[in-house]
Every structure is written in C-alpha cells, then in structure tokens.
C-alpha cells in the first residue's frame, strides 16, 4: 500500500464540541499524516478532518472516499453510557469500511468502531480503564487491554495517548517502509518502533488493601518485594486463591496476566531508580527484580523504547538523592 487520503472522524459531544483527548489525538494524526514529508516519500498522505465545525474541514461525507479513517477518542459521556453515538457518525463509519477504507481507532474511539459493527469477531484494544465497559457492551469483540495496539489488517486499534502515535508510525511503516517510518520517528523524537504487543505498563491502580477482597493485599505485597523471586503460585497463596482464580482476577482487574503485571511493575521500579539514583545498571536490575544488566536492558528497552542508560541521561536531575535503600 502507498500513502493515500487519511480522514479523521471527530465524534462530537452533546453540545457539538470535541474533547481535549480528541484534539490531542487529532494533533497526533496531523503530525504524522498532515505534514507533507515529501523528502521522505512523494507523494505523502493527504489529511482531512471530518466532523463538527470549527475543528473540522469537511463533513462526514469526507470519509466516503478515504483510504484510511482514523477515529480519535469519543466523549466521556459515550463511554459512560450517558450519550449515544450519533447515528450519522456510525453510518458514515460503516459506509467507509464497506467502501474499502482501512479503519483505525485511538483509545476510546474503539467504541465508535464497535458501534458500527466493525470490531465484531476481531481483537481490539483501548486504554485499560475502558476495557471492561467495551467488553460488556460489545461481547462479540475480543477486548485485549494488555497491548499497545492491534493490527487486524483492515481494522487497527490502539491504547491511549502515546500508543496512538505508535500506531500511526506503524501505519507509515506498513505503507511506506521501515526506513521512512524510522526517519519520521527521528523527526518526532520518539522511538522508531514499539511493537503492538508490548504491554500497557502504566496499569490500573492497585486494589484497596483493606476490605474483603484479598487481591489488593497480595499485589501490594508483591510491589514491596519486587527484588525477590516471585511466582504466580506464591501470590495466589497470599491472596487465598487457586492459581487459576488468581490469574483470572488479575486479568479482569488489570487487563493483563500476572507475569506481565509483575514485569510492568518491575520496569516502573527500574524507571524510578534510574531517575532518582546513581546506582549502576547491574544494581538497578537487581533491585527492580529484572535480574542481570542484560535482562534489564532487554525488558526495559522493549517496554520504554530506549535503553536504561539513554533513559537515565534523558531524565537525570541536576542533583541526586542518596542511593541508600
């Protein structure tokens, strides 16, 4: 596939406006598809924004002949069930897909694709905070909130914020090649590629430590012992659950597996240590539970997009606190 016409479909709120997240994701699409990088590839994409004025340059008819349709986040009222998706938006999305457009959603834009029936029988993702609601409202969709983005060829979805940019660069890579996508990523000062199946490491908050639910205390204990060997069986025992029930509960609560959850917490611990201490990377690996320096580099680079040393250089404060525990 080559560069073509990209149409961004803005979903208005009840007053005809758009949300800040809508505008953020519109700016992401504009940076990638709307600025002509003809020195990298000629022709470049053309971009049109379809939806309510004054943010849009076209009405919904602009979706009709687009090669790619991007749906940013929908209003919070839609996610919360207080507002129905506009029927004309749903119909325009459905018609664009039937005409052969590649359909793309960012974060809660997946609700719009699902309402149009475009995610039926497909795997899709969005920010983990919205995953339970999407799955409940559209049981025919396989919701996977543990990844950054999904690629089902003609339908692609992404999690929130930075994952939308990852998906846009993924589209450039598919259309114009890795060299062009890498050069564009360099201009945007972002990692050249983050694979879609990387976990959404900034996970939902821990469950409360008090109350009848035993999952919260078990996970809080794990966070306090990340530098120790931890197994699912041990955490399940601490939660007074069978390993199978524990696996299911973590999946339901955090949208990922127990081992991926642990990996995410360990990467987050490594980030904190790199930002706030001068510990050698070997000790950062040990204290975060990621093990050797080689393991730290592998897992950290996969998750964050840069090696630990580059991350530390980027976020190094002018003064360091003590490195003592």
C-alpha atoms as a PDB file:
ATOM      1  CA  UNK A   1       0.000   0.000   0.000  1.00  0.00           C
ATOM      2  CA  UNK A   2       1.165   3.571  -0.640  1.00  0.00           C
ATOM      3  CA  UNK A   3       0.314   6.866   1.039  1.00  0.00           C
ATOM      4  CA  UNK A   4      -3.266   7.930   0.443  1.00  0.00           C
ATOM      5  CA  UNK A   5      -6.096  10.010   1.840  1.00  0.00           C
ATOM      6  CA  UNK A   6      -6.478   9.871   5.615  1.00  0.00           C
ATOM      7  CA  UNK A   7      -9.725  11.124   7.144  1.00  0.00           C
ATOM      8  CA  UNK A   8     -10.034  11.814  10.866  1.00  0.00           C
ATOM      9  CA  UNK A   9     -13.610  11.348  12.097  1.00  0.00           C
ATOM     10  CA  UNK A  10     -14.318  13.554  15.110  1.00  0.00           C
ATOM     11  CA  UNK A  11     -17.194  12.392  17.317  1.00  0.00           C
ATOM     12  CA  UNK A  12     -18.977  15.428  18.822  1.00  0.00           C
ATOM     13  CA  UNK A  13     -20.289  15.609  22.349  1.00  0.00           C
ATOM     14  CA  UNK A  14     -23.865  16.566  23.217  1.00  0.00           C
ATOM     15  CA  UNK A  15     -23.102  20.250  22.646  1.00  0.00           C
ATOM     16  CA  UNK A  16     -21.396  19.653  19.305  1.00  0.00           C
ATOM     17  CA  UNK A  17     -17.898  20.146  20.668  1.00  0.00           C
ATOM     18  CA  UNK A  18     -14.942  17.803  20.932  1.00  0.00           C
ATOM     19  CA  UNK A  19     -12.946  16.650  23.955  1.00  0.00           C
ATOM     20  CA  UNK A  20      -9.331  17.607  24.747  1.00  0.00           C
ATOM     21  CA  UNK A  21      -8.318  13.993  24.111  1.00  0.00           C
ATOM     22  CA  UNK A  22      -9.994  14.230  20.704  1.00  0.00           C
ATOM     23  CA  UNK A  23      -7.852  17.259  19.908  1.00  0.00           C
ATOM     24  CA  UNK A  24      -4.703  15.598  21.244  1.00  0.00           C
ATOM     25  CA  UNK A  25      -5.182  12.564  19.035  1.00  0.00           C
ATOM     26  CA  UNK A  26      -6.106  14.788  16.108  1.00  0.00           C
ATOM     27  CA  UNK A  27      -2.765  16.531  16.567  1.00  0.00           C
ATOM     28  CA  UNK A  28      -1.003  13.139  16.574  1.00  0.00           C
ATOM     29  CA  UNK A  29      -2.632  12.206  13.260  1.00  0.00           C
ATOM     30  CA  UNK A  30      -1.857  15.664  11.894  1.00  0.00           C
ATOM     31  CA  UNK A  31       1.850  15.393  12.770  1.00  0.00           C
ATOM     32  CA  UNK A  32       2.157  12.042  11.032  1.00  0.00           C
ATOM     33  CA  UNK A  33      -0.210  12.327   8.080  1.00  0.00           C
ATOM     34  CA  UNK A  34      -0.991  16.036   7.725  1.00  0.00           C
ATOM     35  CA  UNK A  35       2.524  17.498   7.420  1.00  0.00           C
ATOM     36  CA  UNK A  36       3.932  16.710   3.950  1.00  0.00           C
ATOM     37  CA  UNK A  37       7.232  14.885   4.452  1.00  0.00           C
ATOM     38  CA  UNK A  38       7.780  14.651   0.710  1.00  0.00           C
ATOM     39  CA  UNK A  39      11.545  14.406   1.131  1.00  0.00           C
ATOM     40  CA  UNK A  40      10.898  11.032   2.787  1.00  0.00           C
ATOM     41  CA  UNK A  41       8.201   9.824   0.393  1.00  0.00           C
ATOM     42  CA  UNK A  42       6.495  11.564  -2.504  1.00  0.00           C
ATOM     43  CA  UNK A  43       3.542  11.661  -2.629  1.00  0.00           C
ATOM     44  CA  UNK A  44       2.856  11.907   1.097  1.00  0.00           C
ATOM     45  CA  UNK A  45      -0.527  11.385   2.728  1.00  0.00           C
ATOM     46  CA  UNK A  46      -3.320  13.912   2.447  1.00  0.00           C
ATOM     47  CA  UNK A  47      -5.316  14.624   5.599  1.00  0.00           C
ATOM     48  CA  UNK A  48      -8.873  15.805   6.036  1.00  0.00           C
ATOM     49  CA  UNK A  49     -10.690  16.355   9.321  1.00  0.00           C
ATOM     50  CA  UNK A  50     -14.344  15.382   9.252  1.00  0.00           C
ATOM     51  CA  UNK A  51     -16.913  16.369  11.854  1.00  0.00           C
ATOM     52  CA  UNK A  52     -18.279  19.419  13.639  1.00  0.00           C
ATOM     53  CA  UNK A  53     -17.021  22.950  12.930  1.00  0.00           C
ATOM     54  CA  UNK A  54     -14.821  24.774  13.755  1.00  0.00           C
ATOM     55  CA  UNK A  55     -12.412  21.862  14.259  1.00  0.00           C
ATOM     56  CA  UNK A  56     -13.266  20.071  11.011  1.00  0.00           C
ATOM     57  CA  UNK A  57     -12.559  20.988   7.413  1.00  0.00           C
ATOM     58  CA  UNK A  58     -15.079  18.510   5.981  1.00  0.00           C
ATOM     59  CA  UNK A  59     -18.389  16.991   6.917  1.00  0.00           C
ATOM     60  CA  UNK A  60     -18.871  13.259   7.322  1.00  0.00           C
ATOM     61  CA  UNK A  61     -19.024  12.928   3.540  1.00  0.00           C
ATOM     62  CA  UNK A  62     -15.254  13.305   3.660  1.00  0.00           C
ATOM     63  CA  UNK A  63     -14.989   9.728   4.941  1.00  0.00           C
ATOM     64  CA  UNK A  64     -16.570   8.263   1.825  1.00  0.00           C
ATOM     65  CA  UNK A  65     -13.505   8.024  -0.422  1.00  0.00           C
ATOM     66  CA  UNK A  66     -10.769   7.955   2.214  1.00  0.00           C
ATOM     67  CA  UNK A  67      -8.135   5.240   2.128  1.00  0.00           C
ATOM     68  CA  UNK A  68      -7.777   5.305   5.921  1.00  0.00           C
ATOM     69  CA  UNK A  69     -10.271   6.530   8.518  1.00  0.00           C
ATOM     70  CA  UNK A  70      -8.970   7.404  11.994  1.00  0.00           C
ATOM     71  CA  UNK A  71     -11.400   7.737  14.906  1.00  0.00           C
ATOM     72  CA  UNK A  72      -9.927   9.527  17.951  1.00  0.00           C
ATOM     73  CA  UNK A  73     -11.377   9.195  21.444  1.00  0.00           C
ATOM     74  CA  UNK A  74     -15.117   9.588  21.819  1.00  0.00           C
ATOM     75  CA  UNK A  75     -16.656  11.858  24.501  1.00  0.00           C
ATOM     76  CA  UNK A  76     -16.607  10.538  28.069  1.00  0.00           C
ATOM     77  CA  UNK A  77     -20.410  10.592  28.062  1.00  0.00           C
ATOM     78  CA  UNK A  78     -20.377   7.932  25.328  1.00  0.00           C
ATOM     79  CA  UNK A  79     -18.025   5.689  27.301  1.00  0.00           C
ATOM     80  CA  UNK A  80     -20.123   6.132  30.439  1.00  0.00           C
ATOM     81  CA  UNK A  81     -23.385   5.406  28.605  1.00  0.00           C
ATOM     82  CA  UNK A  82     -24.849   8.885  29.091  1.00  0.00           C
ATOM     83  CA  UNK A  83     -24.736   9.714  25.384  1.00  0.00           C
ATOM     84  CA  UNK A  84     -25.446   7.636  22.302  1.00  0.00           C
ATOM     85  CA  UNK A  85     -23.024   7.787  19.431  1.00  0.00           C
ATOM     86  CA  UNK A  86     -24.535   9.980  16.688  1.00  0.00           C
ATOM     87  CA  UNK A  87     -26.291   7.741  14.186  1.00  0.00           C
ATOM     88  CA  UNK A  88     -24.832   9.641  11.232  1.00  0.00           C
ATOM     89  CA  UNK A  89     -21.298   9.049  12.521  1.00  0.00           C
ATOM     90  CA  UNK A  90     -21.914   5.320  12.960  1.00  0.00           C
ATOM     91  CA  UNK A  91     -23.423   5.031   9.491  1.00  0.00           C
ATOM     92  CA  UNK A  92     -20.591   7.023   7.897  1.00  0.00           C
ATOM     93  CA  UNK A  93     -18.003   4.755   9.534  1.00  0.00           C
ATOM     94  CA  UNK A  94     -19.843   1.661   8.370  1.00  0.00           C
ATOM     95  CA  UNK A  95     -20.118   3.019   4.821  1.00  0.00           C
ATOM     96  CA  UNK A  96     -16.421   3.926   4.696  1.00  0.00           C
ATOM     97  CA  UNK A  97     -15.458   0.406   5.762  1.00  0.00           C
ATOM     98  CA  UNK A  98     -17.772  -1.113   3.163  1.00  0.00           C
ATOM     99  CA  UNK A  99     -16.148   1.098   0.541  1.00  0.00           C
ATOM    100  CA  UNK A 100     -12.767  -0.416   1.422  1.00  0.00           C
ATOM    101  CA  UNK A 101     -11.261   2.102   3.849  1.00  0.00           C
ATOM    102  CA  UNK A 102      -8.805   0.919   6.465  1.00  0.00           C
ATOM    103  CA  UNK A 103     -10.414   1.686   9.828  1.00  0.00           C
ATOM    104  CA  UNK A 104      -8.323   2.872  12.770  1.00  0.00           C
ATOM    105  CA  UNK A 105      -9.248   3.878  16.329  1.00  0.00           C
ATOM    106  CA  UNK A 106      -7.284   5.596  19.054  1.00  0.00           C
ATOM    107  CA  UNK A 107      -8.161   4.789  22.658  1.00  0.00           C
ATOM    108  CA  UNK A 108     -11.933   5.051  23.264  1.00  0.00           C
ATOM    109  CA  UNK A 109     -12.531   5.580  19.557  1.00  0.00           C
ATOM    110  CA  UNK A 110     -12.892   1.797  19.635  1.00  0.00           C
ATOM    111  CA  UNK A 111     -16.420   2.370  20.974  1.00  0.00           C
ATOM    112  CA  UNK A 112     -17.334   4.016  17.670  1.00  0.00           C
ATOM    113  CA  UNK A 113     -15.886   1.195  15.565  1.00  0.00           C
ATOM    114  CA  UNK A 114     -17.654  -1.339  17.791  1.00  0.00           C
ATOM    115  CA  UNK A 115     -20.965   0.504  17.461  1.00  0.00           C
ATOM    116  CA  UNK A 116     -20.604   0.301  13.687  1.00  0.00           C
ATOM    117  CA  UNK A 117     -20.072  -3.462  13.944  1.00  0.00           C
ATOM    118  CA  UNK A 118     -16.521  -3.190  12.620  1.00  0.00           C
ATOM    119  CA  UNK A 119     -14.900  -4.939  15.600  1.00  0.00           C
ATOM    120  CA  UNK A 120     -17.235  -7.940  15.669  1.00  0.00           C
ATOM    121  CA  UNK A 121     -15.187 -11.134  15.794  1.00  0.00           C
ATOM    122  CA  UNK A 122     -11.973  -9.149  15.983  1.00  0.00           C
ATOM    123  CA  UNK A 123      -9.318  -8.467  18.613  1.00  0.00           C
ATOM    124  CA  UNK A 124      -9.199  -4.836  19.699  1.00  0.00           C
ATOM    125  CA  UNK A 125      -7.556  -2.711  22.352  1.00  0.00           C
ATOM    126  CA  UNK A 126      -8.016   0.639  24.068  1.00  0.00           C
ATOM    127  CA  UNK A 127      -6.914   2.203  27.343  1.00  0.00           C
ATOM    128  CA  UNK A 128      -7.220  -0.423  30.078  1.00  0.00           C
ATOM    129  CA  UNK A 129      -9.525   1.859  32.089  1.00  0.00           C
ATOM    130  CA  UNK A 130     -12.241   1.463  29.436  1.00  0.00           C
ATOM    131  CA  UNK A 131     -11.737  -2.197  28.594  1.00  0.00           C
ATOM    132  CA  UNK A 132     -14.333  -3.666  30.943  1.00  0.00           C
ATOM    133  CA  UNK A 133     -17.052  -1.337  29.660  1.00  0.00           C
ATOM    134  CA  UNK A 134     -16.288  -2.043  25.996  1.00  0.00           C
ATOM    135  CA  UNK A 135     -16.261  -5.793  26.607  1.00  0.00           C
ATOM    136  CA  UNK A 136     -19.569  -5.654  28.496  1.00  0.00           C
ATOM    137  CA  UNK A 137     -21.266  -3.509  25.869  1.00  0.00           C
ATOM    138  CA  UNK A 138     -19.893  -5.458  22.889  1.00  0.00           C
ATOM    139  CA  UNK A 139     -19.331  -9.104  23.907  1.00  0.00           C
ATOM    140  CA  UNK A 140     -18.726 -10.054  20.285  1.00  0.00           C
ATOM    141  CA  UNK A 141     -15.444  -8.101  20.408  1.00  0.00           C
ATOM    142  CA  UNK A 142     -12.301  -9.715  21.823  1.00  0.00           C
ATOM    143  CA  UNK A 143     -11.011  -6.896  24.026  1.00  0.00           C
ATOM    144  CA  UNK A 144      -7.298  -7.158  24.849  1.00  0.00           C
ATOM    145  CA  UNK A 145      -6.234  -4.292  27.113  1.00  0.00           C
ATOM    146  CA  UNK A 146      -2.764  -5.728  27.666  1.00  0.00           C
ATOM    147  CA  UNK A 147      -1.220  -4.426  24.414  1.00  0.00           C
ATOM    148  CA  UNK A 148      -0.346  -1.075  22.839  1.00  0.00           C
ATOM    149  CA  UNK A 149      -2.140  -1.657  19.556  1.00  0.00           C
ATOM    150  CA  UNK A 150      -3.700  -4.359  17.398  1.00  0.00           C
ATOM    151  CA  UNK A 151      -3.439  -4.901  13.651  1.00  0.00           C
ATOM    152  CA  UNK A 152      -6.238  -6.890  12.030  1.00  0.00           C
ATOM    153  CA  UNK A 153      -5.174  -5.739   8.547  1.00  0.00           C
ATOM    154  CA  UNK A 154      -8.255  -3.677   7.670  1.00  0.00           C
ATOM    155  CA  UNK A 155      -9.097  -2.678  11.249  1.00  0.00           C
ATOM    156  CA  UNK A 156      -6.498  -1.404  13.716  1.00  0.00           C
ATOM    157  CA  UNK A 157      -6.920  -0.147  17.289  1.00  0.00           C
ATOM    158  CA  UNK A 158      -4.635   1.470  19.860  1.00  0.00           C
ATOM    159  CA  UNK A 159      -4.496   2.188  23.560  1.00  0.00           C
ATOM    160  CA  UNK A 160      -4.356   5.734  24.893  1.00  0.00           C
ATOM    161  CA  UNK A 161      -2.015   8.693  24.435  1.00  0.00           C
ATOM    162  CA  UNK A 162       1.434   7.636  23.147  1.00  0.00           C
ATOM    163  CA  UNK A 163       0.119   4.332  21.802  1.00  0.00           C
ATOM    164  CA  UNK A 164      -1.850   6.295  19.202  1.00  0.00           C
ATOM    165  CA  UNK A 165       1.405   7.715  17.863  1.00  0.00           C
ATOM    166  CA  UNK A 166       2.916   4.224  17.887  1.00  0.00           C
ATOM    167  CA  UNK A 167       0.028   3.002  15.751  1.00  0.00           C
ATOM    168  CA  UNK A 168       0.304   5.917  13.307  1.00  0.00           C
ATOM    169  CA  UNK A 169       4.004   5.177  12.798  1.00  0.00           C
ATOM    170  CA  UNK A 170       3.097   1.508  12.371  1.00  0.00           C
ATOM    171  CA  UNK A 171       0.778   2.524   9.529  1.00  0.00           C
ATOM    172  CA  UNK A 172       3.569   4.523   7.883  1.00  0.00           C
ATOM    173  CA  UNK A 173       5.839   1.504   8.231  1.00  0.00           C
ATOM    174  CA  UNK A 174       3.244  -0.717   6.544  1.00  0.00           C
ATOM    175  CA  UNK A 175       2.588   1.799   3.776  1.00  0.00           C
ATOM    176  CA  UNK A 176       5.959   3.350   3.034  1.00  0.00           C
ATOM    177  CA  UNK A 177       8.528   1.097   4.675  1.00  0.00           C
ATOM    178  CA  UNK A 178      10.627   0.941   7.820  1.00  0.00           C
ATOM    179  CA  UNK A 179      13.171   3.474   6.551  1.00  0.00           C
ATOM    180  CA  UNK A 180      10.569   6.182   6.076  1.00  0.00           C
ATOM    181  CA  UNK A 181       8.861   5.381   9.406  1.00  0.00           C
ATOM    182  CA  UNK A 182      12.204   5.422  11.224  1.00  0.00           C
ATOM    183  CA  UNK A 183      13.201   8.756   9.701  1.00  0.00           C
ATOM    184  CA  UNK A 184       9.840  10.267  10.631  1.00  0.00           C
ATOM    185  CA  UNK A 185      10.134   8.927  14.183  1.00  0.00           C
ATOM    186  CA  UNK A 186      13.523  10.614  14.422  1.00  0.00           C
ATOM    187  CA  UNK A 187      11.974  13.933  13.471  1.00  0.00           C
ATOM    188  CA  UNK A 188       9.306  13.453  16.117  1.00  0.00           C
ATOM    189  CA  UNK A 189      11.975  12.409  18.664  1.00  0.00           C
ATOM    190  CA  UNK A 190      10.220   9.149  19.538  1.00  0.00           C
ATOM    191  CA  UNK A 191      11.325   5.504  19.356  1.00  0.00           C
ATOM    192  CA  UNK A 192      11.418   4.243  15.774  1.00  0.00           C
ATOM    193  CA  UNK A 193       9.226   1.266  16.622  1.00  0.00           C
ATOM    194  CA  UNK A 194       7.353  -0.089  19.607  1.00  0.00           C
ATOM    195  CA  UNK A 195       5.727  -3.403  18.832  1.00  0.00           C
ATOM    196  CA  UNK A 196       1.971  -3.541  19.227  1.00  0.00           C
ATOM    197  CA  UNK A 197       2.059  -6.484  21.598  1.00  0.00           C
ATOM    198  CA  UNK A 198       4.099  -4.636  24.211  1.00  0.00           C
ATOM    199  CA  UNK A 199       2.161  -4.369  27.471  1.00  0.00           C
ATOM    200  CA  UNK A 200       0.342  -1.266  28.619  1.00  0.00           C
ATOM    201  CA  UNK A 201       2.745  -0.957  31.530  1.00  0.00           C
ATOM    202  CA  UNK A 202       1.123   2.009  33.215  1.00  0.00           C
ATOM    203  CA  UNK A 203      -1.511  -0.218  34.702  1.00  0.00           C
ATOM    204  CA  UNK A 204      -4.631   0.429  36.713  1.00  0.00           C
ATOM    205  CA  UNK A 205      -4.141   1.295  40.403  1.00  0.00           C
ATOM    206  CA  UNK A 206      -3.763  -1.481  42.920  1.00  0.00           C
ATOM    207  CA  UNK A 207      -6.999  -2.634  44.548  1.00  0.00           C
ATOM    208  CA  UNK A 208      -7.556  -1.342  48.109  1.00  0.00           C
ATOM    209  CA  UNK A 209      -5.527  -3.102  50.763  1.00  0.00           C
ATOM    210  CA  UNK A 210      -8.456  -3.230  53.154  1.00  0.00           C
ATOM    211  CA  UNK A 211     -11.853  -4.817  52.666  1.00  0.00           C
ATOM    212  CA  UNK A 212     -12.851  -8.378  51.864  1.00  0.00           C
ATOM    213  CA  UNK A 213     -11.006  -8.596  48.533  1.00  0.00           C
ATOM    214  CA  UNK A 214      -7.676 -10.369  49.057  1.00  0.00           C
ATOM    215  CA  UNK A 215      -6.220  -9.475  45.653  1.00  0.00           C
ATOM    216  CA  UNK A 216      -5.155  -5.979  46.718  1.00  0.00           C
ATOM    217  CA  UNK A 217      -3.021  -7.022  49.716  1.00  0.00           C
ATOM    218  CA  UNK A 218      -1.326  -9.753  47.685  1.00  0.00           C
ATOM    219  CA  UNK A 219      -0.376  -7.358  44.889  1.00  0.00           C
ATOM    220  CA  UNK A 220       0.752  -4.695  47.335  1.00  0.00           C
ATOM    221  CA  UNK A 221       2.985  -7.278  48.996  1.00  0.00           C
ATOM    222  CA  UNK A 222       4.414  -8.117  45.577  1.00  0.00           C
ATOM    223  CA  UNK A 223       5.258  -4.457  44.927  1.00  0.00           C
ATOM    224  CA  UNK A 224       7.163  -4.375  48.224  1.00  0.00           C
ATOM    225  CA  UNK A 225       9.152  -7.482  47.243  1.00  0.00           C
ATOM    226  CA  UNK A 226       9.872  -6.916  43.544  1.00  0.00           C
ATOM    227  CA  UNK A 227      13.565  -7.641  44.117  1.00  0.00           C
ATOM    228  CA  UNK A 228      12.741 -11.194  45.199  1.00  0.00           C
ATOM    229  CA  UNK A 229      11.818 -14.216  43.064  1.00  0.00           C
ATOM    230  CA  UNK A 230       8.018 -14.173  42.778  1.00  0.00           C
ATOM    231  CA  UNK A 231       5.742 -16.833  41.333  1.00  0.00           C
ATOM    232  CA  UNK A 232       2.070 -16.900  40.488  1.00  0.00           C
ATOM    233  CA  UNK A 233       1.590 -19.807  42.858  1.00  0.00           C
ATOM    234  CA  UNK A 234       3.075 -17.834  45.760  1.00  0.00           C
ATOM    235  CA  UNK A 235       0.979 -14.742  45.039  1.00  0.00           C
ATOM    236  CA  UNK A 236      -2.125 -16.877  44.678  1.00  0.00           C
ATOM    237  CA  UNK A 237      -1.474 -18.411  48.107  1.00  0.00           C
ATOM    238  CA  UNK A 238      -1.111 -14.943  49.619  1.00  0.00           C
ATOM    239  CA  UNK A 239      -4.413 -13.955  48.014  1.00  0.00           C
ATOM    240  CA  UNK A 240      -6.021 -17.169  49.340  1.00  0.00           C
ATOM    241  CA  UNK A 241      -6.972 -18.189  45.815  1.00  0.00           C
ATOM    242  CA  UNK A 242      -6.177 -21.019  43.484  1.00  0.00           C
ATOM    243  CA  UNK A 243      -3.621 -20.085  40.793  1.00  0.00           C
ATOM    244  CA  UNK A 244      -6.372 -20.284  38.183  1.00  0.00           C
ATOM    245  CA  UNK A 245      -8.678 -17.933  40.111  1.00  0.00           C
ATOM    246  CA  UNK A 246      -5.795 -15.564  40.818  1.00  0.00           C
ATOM    247  CA  UNK A 247      -4.876 -15.472  37.122  1.00  0.00           C
ATOM    248  CA  UNK A 248      -8.494 -14.697  36.207  1.00  0.00           C
ATOM    249  CA  UNK A 249      -8.856 -11.972  38.844  1.00  0.00           C
ATOM    250  CA  UNK A 250      -5.657 -10.186  37.775  1.00  0.00           C
ATOM    251  CA  UNK A 251      -6.752 -10.414  34.166  1.00  0.00           C
ATOM    252  CA  UNK A 252     -10.165  -8.950  34.999  1.00  0.00           C
ATOM    253  CA  UNK A 253      -8.765  -6.190  37.205  1.00  0.00           C
ATOM    254  CA  UNK A 254      -5.671  -5.151  35.266  1.00  0.00           C
ATOM    255  CA  UNK A 255      -6.314  -6.387  31.740  1.00  0.00           C
ATOM    256  CA  UNK A 256      -3.131  -8.453  31.655  1.00  0.00           C
ATOM    257  CA  UNK A 257      -1.585 -11.640  33.042  1.00  0.00           C
ATOM    258  CA  UNK A 258       0.049 -11.833  36.499  1.00  0.00           C
ATOM    259  CA  UNK A 259       3.528 -12.226  34.996  1.00  0.00           C
ATOM    260  CA  UNK A 260       3.049  -9.274  32.656  1.00  0.00           C
ATOM    261  CA  UNK A 261       1.709  -7.251  35.577  1.00  0.00           C
ATOM    262  CA  UNK A 262       4.842  -8.081  37.576  1.00  0.00           C
ATOM    263  CA  UNK A 263       7.041  -7.188  34.614  1.00  0.00           C
ATOM    264  CA  UNK A 264       5.299  -3.839  34.307  1.00  0.00           C
ATOM    265  CA  UNK A 265       5.806  -3.045  37.978  1.00  0.00           C
ATOM    266  CA  UNK A 266       9.473  -4.018  37.748  1.00  0.00           C
ATOM    267  CA  UNK A 267      10.042  -1.818  34.725  1.00  0.00           C
ATOM    268  CA  UNK A 268       8.348   1.043  36.582  1.00  0.00           C
ATOM    269  CA  UNK A 269      10.633   0.427  39.574  1.00  0.00           C
ATOM    270  CA  UNK A 270      13.653   0.472  37.262  1.00  0.00           C
ATOM    271  CA  UNK A 271      12.489   3.791  35.799  1.00  0.00           C
ATOM    272  CA  UNK A 272      12.271   5.308  39.271  1.00  0.00           C
ATOM    273  CA  UNK A 273      15.728   4.046  40.224  1.00  0.00           C
ATOM    274  CA  UNK A 274      17.254   5.351  37.004  1.00  0.00           C
ATOM    275  CA  UNK A 275      15.641   8.754  37.524  1.00  0.00           C
ATOM    276  CA  UNK A 276      16.440   9.178  41.212  1.00  0.00           C
ATOM    277  CA  UNK A 277      19.696   7.309  41.920  1.00  0.00           C
ATOM    278  CA  UNK A 278      23.187   6.807  40.533  1.00  0.00           C
ATOM    279  CA  UNK A 279      23.037   3.049  41.039  1.00  0.00           C
ATOM    280  CA  UNK A 280      24.895   1.040  38.361  1.00  0.00           C
ATOM    281  CA  UNK A 281      22.555  -0.700  35.937  1.00  0.00           C
ATOM    282  CA  UNK A 282      23.507  -4.044  37.492  1.00  0.00           C
ATOM    283  CA  UNK A 283      22.065  -2.911  40.829  1.00  0.00           C
ATOM    284  CA  UNK A 284      19.046  -1.355  39.151  1.00  0.00           C
ATOM    285  CA  UNK A 285      18.347  -4.746  37.613  1.00  0.00           C
ATOM    286  CA  UNK A 286      18.708  -6.478  40.972  1.00  0.00           C
ATOM    287  CA  UNK A 287      16.588  -4.018  42.966  1.00  0.00           C
ATOM    288  CA  UNK A 288      13.819  -3.944  40.374  1.00  0.00           C
ATOM    289  CA  UNK A 289      13.711  -7.729  40.102  1.00  0.00           C
ATOM    290  CA  UNK A 290      14.731  -7.718  36.441  1.00  0.00           C
ATOM    291  CA  UNK A 291      17.919  -9.599  37.227  1.00  0.00           C
ATOM    292  CA  UNK A 292      21.122  -9.127  35.287  1.00  0.00           C
ATOM    293  CA  UNK A 293      22.108  -5.992  33.422  1.00  0.00           C
ATOM    294  CA  UNK A 294      21.434  -7.834  30.152  1.00  0.00           C
ATOM    295  CA  UNK A 295      17.905  -8.761  31.251  1.00  0.00           C
ATOM    296  CA  UNK A 296      17.302  -5.202  32.437  1.00  0.00           C
ATOM    297  CA  UNK A 297      18.375  -3.792  29.071  1.00  0.00           C
ATOM    298  CA  UNK A 298      16.223  -6.243  27.134  1.00  0.00           C
ATOM    299  CA  UNK A 299      12.997  -5.805  29.106  1.00  0.00           C
ATOM    300  CA  UNK A 300      13.451  -2.072  29.683  1.00  0.00           C
ATOM    301  CA  UNK A 301      14.175  -1.290  26.038  1.00  0.00           C
ATOM    302  CA  UNK A 302      11.202  -3.349  24.866  1.00  0.00           C
ATOM    303  CA  UNK A 303       8.868  -1.576  27.276  1.00  0.00           C
ATOM    304  CA  UNK A 304      10.117   2.006  27.230  1.00  0.00           C
ATOM    305  CA  UNK A 305      11.652   2.218  23.774  1.00  0.00           C
ATOM    306  CA  UNK A 306      15.166   3.286  24.851  1.00  0.00           C
ATOM    307  CA  UNK A 307      17.951   1.521  26.793  1.00  0.00           C
ATOM    308  CA  UNK A 308      18.349   2.205  30.524  1.00  0.00           C
ATOM    309  CA  UNK A 309      21.451   4.366  30.072  1.00  0.00           C
ATOM    310  CA  UNK A 310      19.736   6.549  27.469  1.00  0.00           C
ATOM    311  CA  UNK A 311      16.676   6.856  29.697  1.00  0.00           C
ATOM    312  CA  UNK A 312      18.818   7.937  32.643  1.00  0.00           C
ATOM    313  CA  UNK A 313      20.611  10.538  30.530  1.00  0.00           C
ATOM    314  CA  UNK A 314      17.289  11.964  29.398  1.00  0.00           C
ATOM    315  CA  UNK A 315      15.758  12.210  32.866  1.00  0.00           C
ATOM    316  CA  UNK A 316      18.829  12.863  35.024  1.00  0.00           C
ATOM    317  CA  UNK A 317      18.093  15.595  37.587  1.00  0.00           C
ATOM    318  CA  UNK A 318      20.707  18.196  38.460  1.00  0.00           C
ATOM    319  CA  UNK A 319      21.156  16.716  41.939  1.00  0.00           C
ATOM    320  CA  UNK A 320      20.852  13.146  43.074  1.00  0.00           C
ATOM    321  CA  UNK A 321      19.427  11.913  46.358  1.00  0.00           C
ATOM    322  CA  UNK A 322      21.221   9.270  48.358  1.00  0.00           C
ATOM    323  CA  UNK A 323      21.395   5.862  46.736  1.00  0.00           C
ATOM    324  CA  UNK A 324      20.788   4.058  50.019  1.00  0.00           C
ATOM    325  CA  UNK A 325      17.730   1.849  50.383  1.00  0.00           C
END
